Amino acid sequence: MSIKTIDPQELGNKDLFMLLLQGVAPRPIAFASTIDKEGNPNLAPFSFYNAFGVNPSTLIFSPSRRGRDNTTKHTLDNLKEVPEVVLNAVSYDMVQQMSLASTEYPKGVNEFEKAGFTAIPSTVVRPYRVKESKLQFECKVREIIEVSGKPGSGNLVICEIVKIHINTAILDENGDIDPDKIDLVGRMGGDYYVRASGDALFTVPKPLTTIGIGIDSLPDSVRNSKVLTGNDLGQLGNLERLPAEGELNEIRERYKKENFTRSEDELHRHAKQLIAERRVFEALGLLMAF
C-alpha cells in the first residue's frame, strides 16, 4: 500500500476544497431559510454543518465565501441584516428540489417558489420554514465568525435553537426519530449523496456503560485470524469478559453433538457469521473452545 502525502498549502484552494468534500463525508445538510431586512426570503443548502452541544443548544453551519471572486452568499448577507435562521432537515423525497434551490439566483429571487417548496410562518423567528421538511429548527444567531475573509474561507454561523418542529409521522413507538422514516440524505464529494436509511443503516454498541476487554485480551489465534476483520475483532473486544471454562465446556459439548469438525479457517468463518448475527459472546466462546 502506497501513501500520498499532501501539503495543503501547496494544493490550491479548488483542489483542497474538493479533497475535503470527498474525504470529510457524509455531511448533514442545513437547508437554511433566511430573510433580508426588506422581508425577502432566501433558501439555500449548506453541508458544512453539525450540532455542537445542548446547553445552550448549538448548531453551526458555514456559508463559505466564493472561491472564484471572494463574494459572499445571500444567506450570509441576510444573517447580518436579520440574525435569525430556520435550519430544515433534508429527506430523500425532497433532495432534488433542495439541489435546485442551491442555484445562484439573483438577489430577491424566491427559492421557495423556484424549487417548489411551501413557505410556512415560523413561531419565534422571522424566516419561513419549509413545510416539506420533516424536522425544522428555528434559530437565533448568536455569533458569526469570519475565519479569514479570503476566497473560499468559511463563516461559522453559531446558532441557538429556540423552537423545534417535528412531523410526528417520523417518530417510532417510543417517540424517538426513526431513521428509516425521516430518511435523511448526506452530502458526499462531487455530485454524490448518501441515503441514510434501509440497508445503509447499522448499529455499533457504544462502550459507555461497560468497559470492554479490548482486542489485546483476545487469544493470539483470534487476534491473528486470517478471516476475522478489524470490525469483527472490535466487537469481540467490546465484550465485558472472556467466557469462563464452564461456558466453554458447554459450547464444546453442544458442538460435539452437531459433529462439529472443521479447520481453523472454517471455525473462524462460522464465528464471523455468529458475529454478523449479533451472537458475539457465543462467537468468542466457539473460538476459544476449539
Protein backbone atom coordinates (compact mmCIF):
# COMPACT_ATOMS: atom_id res chain seq x y z
CA MET A 1 0.00 0.00 0.00
CA SER A 2 1.40 3.37 -1.03
CA ILE A 3 0.63 6.64 0.77
CA LYS A 4 0.29 10.01 -0.94
CA THR A 5 1.22 12.88 1.36
CA ILE A 6 -0.08 16.37 0.58
CA ASP A 7 0.84 19.79 1.93
CA PRO A 8 -2.48 21.70 1.93
CA GLN A 9 -0.61 24.98 1.43
CA GLU A 10 0.66 23.70 -1.92
CA LEU A 11 -2.54 22.10 -3.17
CA GLY A 12 -4.52 25.20 -4.13
CA ASN A 13 -7.96 26.22 -2.89
CA LYS A 14 -10.02 24.43 -5.55
CA ASP A 15 -8.29 21.06 -5.23
CA LEU A 16 -8.18 21.27 -1.44
CA PHE A 17 -11.88 22.10 -1.36
CA MET A 18 -12.69 19.04 -3.48
CA LEU A 19 -10.49 16.83 -1.32
CA LEU A 20 -12.27 17.98 1.84
CA LEU A 21 -15.70 17.40 0.30
CA GLN A 22 -14.68 13.89 -0.72
CA GLY A 23 -12.84 12.95 2.46
CA VAL A 24 -14.95 14.57 5.17
CA ALA A 25 -18.21 12.80 4.43
CA PRO A 26 -21.04 12.10 4.66
CA ARG A 27 -22.04 15.52 5.91
CA PRO A 28 -25.52 16.52 7.13
CA ILE A 29 -27.26 19.24 5.17
CA ALA A 30 -28.50 22.51 6.66
CA PHE A 31 -31.30 23.73 4.43
CA ALA A 32 -31.14 27.32 5.62
CA SER A 33 -34.07 29.70 5.35
CA THR A 34 -33.22 33.36 5.93
CA ILE A 35 -34.78 36.75 5.26
CA ASP A 36 -33.33 40.18 4.47
CA LYS A 37 -34.29 43.47 6.11
CA GLU A 38 -36.88 44.11 3.36
CA GLY A 39 -38.55 40.78 4.11
CA ASN A 40 -37.34 38.89 1.02
CA PRO A 41 -36.92 35.16 1.77
CA ASN A 42 -33.90 33.09 0.75
CA LEU A 43 -33.43 29.33 0.84
CA ALA A 44 -30.10 27.53 0.32
CA PRO A 45 -28.40 24.26 1.40
CA PHE A 46 -25.04 24.03 3.20
CA SER A 47 -23.17 20.85 4.07
CA PHE A 48 -20.56 22.38 6.35
CA TYR A 49 -22.98 21.80 9.22
CA ASN A 50 -23.38 19.97 12.52
CA ALA A 51 -24.61 20.09 16.13
CA PHE A 52 -22.17 21.21 18.83
CA GLY A 53 -23.91 20.96 22.20
CA VAL A 54 -27.16 21.29 24.11
CA ASN A 55 -26.51 23.84 26.87
CA PRO A 56 -27.16 26.10 25.09
CA SER A 57 -28.42 24.14 22.11
CA THR A 58 -25.90 24.91 19.37
CA LEU A 59 -25.97 24.33 15.63
CA ILE A 60 -23.20 25.67 13.40
CA PHE A 61 -23.11 25.93 9.62
CA SER A 62 -20.81 27.74 7.25
CA PRO A 63 -21.82 29.66 4.12
CA SER A 64 -18.29 29.96 2.71
CA ARG A 65 -17.04 32.82 0.59
CA ARG A 66 -16.95 32.04 -3.12
CA GLY A 67 -13.53 30.86 -4.25
CA ARG A 68 -13.71 32.43 -7.70
CA ASP A 69 -14.35 36.05 -6.70
CA ASN A 70 -14.41 36.16 -2.88
CA THR A 71 -18.03 37.32 -2.78
CA THR A 72 -20.43 36.27 -0.03
CA LYS A 73 -23.67 34.35 -0.41
CA HIS A 74 -27.10 35.84 0.11
CA THR A 75 -27.59 33.66 3.19
CA LEU A 76 -24.64 35.27 4.97
CA ASP A 77 -25.68 38.75 3.87
CA ASN A 78 -29.21 38.16 5.19
CA LEU A 79 -27.94 36.85 8.53
CA LYS A 80 -26.00 40.05 9.08
CA GLU A 81 -29.20 42.04 8.49
CA VAL A 82 -31.61 39.69 10.30
CA PRO A 83 -29.71 37.30 12.62
CA GLU A 84 -32.29 34.53 12.53
CA VAL A 85 -32.49 31.30 10.51
CA VAL A 86 -34.52 28.11 10.14
CA LEU A 87 -32.41 25.01 9.53
CA ASN A 88 -34.59 22.44 7.79
CA ALA A 89 -33.65 18.74 7.61
CA VAL A 90 -33.40 17.25 4.10
CA SER A 91 -35.12 13.93 3.46
CA TYR A 92 -34.69 11.79 0.35
CA ASP A 93 -38.09 12.76 -1.04
CA MET A 94 -37.03 16.43 -1.32
CA VAL A 95 -33.35 16.14 -2.30
CA GLN A 96 -33.80 17.07 -5.97
CA GLN A 97 -35.80 20.17 -5.07
CA MET A 98 -33.20 21.06 -2.43
CA SER A 99 -30.47 20.83 -5.07
CA LEU A 100 -32.44 23.13 -7.35
CA ALA A 101 -32.62 25.70 -4.54
CA SER A 102 -28.80 25.78 -4.48
CA THR A 103 -28.82 27.56 -7.84
CA GLU A 104 -27.25 31.01 -7.56
CA TYR A 105 -30.30 33.03 -8.46
CA PRO A 106 -30.04 36.84 -8.34
CA LYS A 107 -30.82 38.56 -5.04
CA GLY A 108 -34.54 38.91 -4.48
CA VAL A 109 -35.47 35.69 -6.30
CA ASN A 110 -37.57 33.45 -4.07
CA GLU A 111 -36.00 29.96 -3.93
CA PHE A 112 -39.13 28.62 -2.21
CA GLU A 113 -41.02 29.32 -5.42
CA LYS A 114 -38.23 28.28 -7.79
CA ALA A 115 -37.78 24.91 -6.08
CA GLY A 116 -41.47 24.33 -5.43
CA PHE A 117 -41.35 24.37 -1.64
CA THR A 118 -44.09 25.64 0.65
CA ALA A 119 -43.09 28.54 2.92
CA ILE A 120 -44.89 28.49 6.27
CA PRO A 121 -44.53 31.03 9.10
CA SER A 122 -42.21 30.28 11.99
CA THR A 123 -43.37 30.74 15.58
CA VAL A 124 -40.40 32.66 17.03
CA VAL A 125 -38.14 33.84 14.21
CA ARG A 126 -38.91 35.78 11.05
CA PRO A 127 -37.58 33.43 8.30
CA TYR A 128 -40.06 30.90 6.95
CA ARG A 129 -39.99 27.16 7.50
CA VAL A 130 -40.01 24.57 4.71
CA LYS A 131 -43.29 22.70 5.13
CA GLU A 132 -41.97 19.66 3.26
CA SER A 133 -39.11 19.22 5.74
CA LYS A 134 -39.91 16.69 8.48
CA LEU A 135 -37.68 18.39 11.07
CA GLN A 136 -37.21 22.15 11.41
CA PHE A 137 -35.04 24.14 13.82
CA GLU A 138 -35.91 27.79 14.40
CA CYS A 139 -32.70 29.50 15.49
CA LYS A 140 -31.34 32.82 16.68
CA VAL A 141 -27.81 33.61 15.51
CA ARG A 142 -25.51 34.13 18.49
CA GLU A 143 -22.31 34.89 16.57
CA ILE A 144 -20.77 34.86 13.11
CA ILE A 145 -17.07 34.09 12.95
CA GLU A 146 -15.42 35.06 9.67
CA VAL A 147 -12.43 32.73 9.51
CA SER A 148 -10.22 34.88 7.28
CA GLY A 149 -12.17 36.81 4.66
CA LYS A 150 -10.09 35.13 1.94
CA PRO A 151 -11.57 33.36 -1.14
CA GLY A 152 -13.09 30.03 -0.14
CA SER A 153 -12.86 30.74 3.58
CA GLY A 154 -15.61 29.76 6.00
CA ASN A 155 -18.00 31.86 8.01
CA LEU A 156 -19.11 29.99 11.12
CA VAL A 157 -22.71 30.84 11.90
CA ILE A 158 -23.27 29.84 15.53
CA CYS A 159 -26.97 29.32 16.15
CA GLU A 160 -29.08 28.67 19.22
CA ILE A 161 -32.25 26.64 18.74
CA VAL A 162 -35.35 28.44 20.01
CA LYS A 163 -38.06 26.14 18.65
CA ILE A 164 -38.18 22.66 17.10
CA HIS A 165 -40.90 21.30 14.80
CA ILE A 166 -41.14 17.54 14.16
CA ASN A 167 -43.53 15.77 11.82
CA THR A 168 -44.93 13.04 14.09
CA ALA A 169 -45.01 10.61 11.16
CA ILE A 170 -41.23 10.13 11.54
CA LEU A 171 -41.43 9.06 15.21
CA ASP A 172 -41.26 5.47 16.44
CA GLU A 173 -43.34 3.90 19.21
CA ASN A 174 -41.02 5.41 21.84
CA GLY A 175 -41.34 8.93 20.47
CA ASP A 176 -37.83 8.89 19.02
CA ILE A 177 -36.96 9.79 15.43
CA ASP A 178 -36.96 6.64 13.30
CA PRO A 179 -34.03 6.87 10.83
CA ASP A 180 -35.96 4.97 8.16
CA LYS A 181 -38.97 7.25 8.45
CA ILE A 182 -37.05 10.53 8.37
CA ASP A 183 -34.95 9.09 5.50
CA LEU A 184 -32.22 11.75 5.67
CA VAL A 185 -29.62 12.36 2.98
CA GLY A 186 -26.00 13.33 3.47
CA ARG A 187 -23.56 15.12 1.19
CA MET A 188 -20.51 13.47 -0.32
CA GLY A 189 -17.98 14.84 -2.82
CA GLY A 190 -18.84 15.87 -6.37
CA ASP A 191 -22.43 15.02 -7.29
CA TYR A 192 -22.64 12.19 -4.76
CA TYR A 193 -25.12 11.97 -1.88
CA VAL A 194 -25.85 9.16 0.57
CA ARG A 195 -29.26 7.98 1.74
CA ALA A 196 -29.24 7.28 5.48
CA SER A 197 -31.92 4.59 5.68
CA GLY A 198 -32.61 0.98 4.76
CA ASP A 199 -29.59 -1.26 4.20
CA ALA A 200 -27.25 1.71 4.74
CA LEU A 201 -28.09 1.67 8.46
CA PHE A 202 -26.26 -0.46 11.01
CA THR A 203 -25.67 -0.25 14.73
CA VAL A 204 -22.47 -0.21 16.77
CA PRO A 205 -22.93 -0.73 20.54
CA LYS A 206 -21.33 2.16 22.41
CA PRO A 207 -18.81 1.15 25.12
CA LEU A 208 -20.17 3.71 27.58
CA THR A 209 -21.86 1.74 30.36
CA THR A 210 -19.37 -1.12 30.40
CA ILE A 211 -15.65 -1.47 29.79
CA GLY A 212 -14.74 -3.88 27.01
CA ILE A 213 -11.93 -6.38 27.47
CA GLY A 214 -10.09 -4.94 24.45
CA ILE A 215 -8.67 -6.70 21.43
CA ASP A 216 -5.37 -7.16 23.27
CA SER A 217 -7.13 -9.55 25.68
CA LEU A 218 -8.21 -11.92 22.91
CA PRO A 219 -6.23 -15.13 22.30
CA ASP A 220 -3.44 -14.84 19.72
CA SER A 221 -5.24 -17.25 17.40
CA VAL A 222 -8.21 -14.87 17.34
CA ARG A 223 -6.25 -11.61 17.05
CA ASN A 224 -4.15 -13.02 14.19
CA SER A 225 -7.08 -14.54 12.33
CA LYS A 226 -6.93 -14.51 8.54
CA VAL A 227 -10.73 -14.49 8.41
CA LEU A 228 -11.90 -12.04 11.06
CA THR A 229 -11.76 -8.35 10.16
CA GLY A 230 -10.94 -5.38 12.34
CA ASN A 231 -14.67 -4.77 12.73
CA ASP A 232 -15.15 -8.36 13.91
CA LEU A 233 -12.31 -8.06 16.42
CA GLY A 234 -13.68 -4.72 17.60
CA GLN A 235 -16.98 -6.36 18.51
CA LEU A 236 -15.22 -9.20 20.33
CA GLY A 237 -13.07 -6.68 22.20
CA ASN A 238 -16.18 -4.78 23.26
CA LEU A 239 -17.40 -7.76 25.33
CA GLU A 240 -17.28 -7.34 29.10
CA ARG A 241 -15.42 -10.58 29.78
CA LEU A 242 -13.96 -13.76 28.35
CA PRO A 243 -16.07 -16.93 28.57
CA ALA A 244 -15.49 -18.96 31.72
CA GLU A 245 -14.23 -22.54 31.50
CA GLY A 246 -17.66 -23.90 32.36
CA GLU A 247 -19.20 -21.94 29.48
CA LEU A 248 -16.50 -23.21 27.12
CA ASN A 249 -17.25 -26.80 28.14
CA GLU A 250 -20.95 -26.26 27.41
CA ILE A 251 -20.08 -24.96 23.96
CA ARG A 252 -17.77 -27.94 23.32
CA GLU A 253 -20.48 -30.42 24.30
CA ARG A 254 -23.13 -28.68 22.19
CA TYR A 255 -21.00 -28.52 19.08
CA LYS A 256 -19.73 -32.09 19.52
CA LYS A 257 -23.35 -33.26 19.31
CA GLU A 258 -23.50 -31.47 15.97
CA ASN A 259 -20.38 -33.36 14.82
CA PHE A 260 -18.51 -30.07 14.64
CA THR A 261 -15.20 -30.93 12.95
CA ARG A 262 -13.80 -28.02 11.00
CA SER A 263 -10.49 -26.46 10.04
CA GLU A 264 -9.37 -23.27 11.74
CA ASP A 265 -10.47 -21.15 8.78
CA GLU A 266 -13.89 -22.82 8.76
CA LEU A 267 -14.15 -22.30 12.52
CA HIS A 268 -13.37 -18.61 12.10
CA ARG A 269 -15.84 -18.25 9.24
CA HIS A 270 -18.55 -19.77 11.42
CA ALA A 271 -17.64 -17.39 14.24
CA LYS A 272 -17.75 -14.49 11.78
CA GLN A 273 -21.30 -15.48 10.86
CA LEU A 274 -22.28 -15.58 14.54
CA ILE A 275 -20.88 -12.07 14.96
CA ALA A 276 -22.95 -10.90 12.00
CA GLU A 277 -26.00 -12.38 13.76
CA ARG A 278 -25.08 -10.41 16.93
CA ARG A 279 -24.22 -13.61 18.80
CA VAL A 280 -20.86 -12.13 19.69
CA PHE A 281 -20.27 -13.82 23.06
CA GLU A 282 -21.12 -17.19 21.53
CA ALA A 283 -18.68 -16.48 18.70
CA LEU A 284 -15.85 -15.80 21.14
CA GLY A 285 -16.72 -18.89 23.12
CA LEU A 286 -16.61 -21.00 19.97
CA LEU A 287 -13.24 -19.57 19.01
CA MET A 288 -11.81 -20.30 22.43
CA ALA A 289 -13.40 -23.73 22.87
CA PHE A 290 -11.75 -25.39 19.87
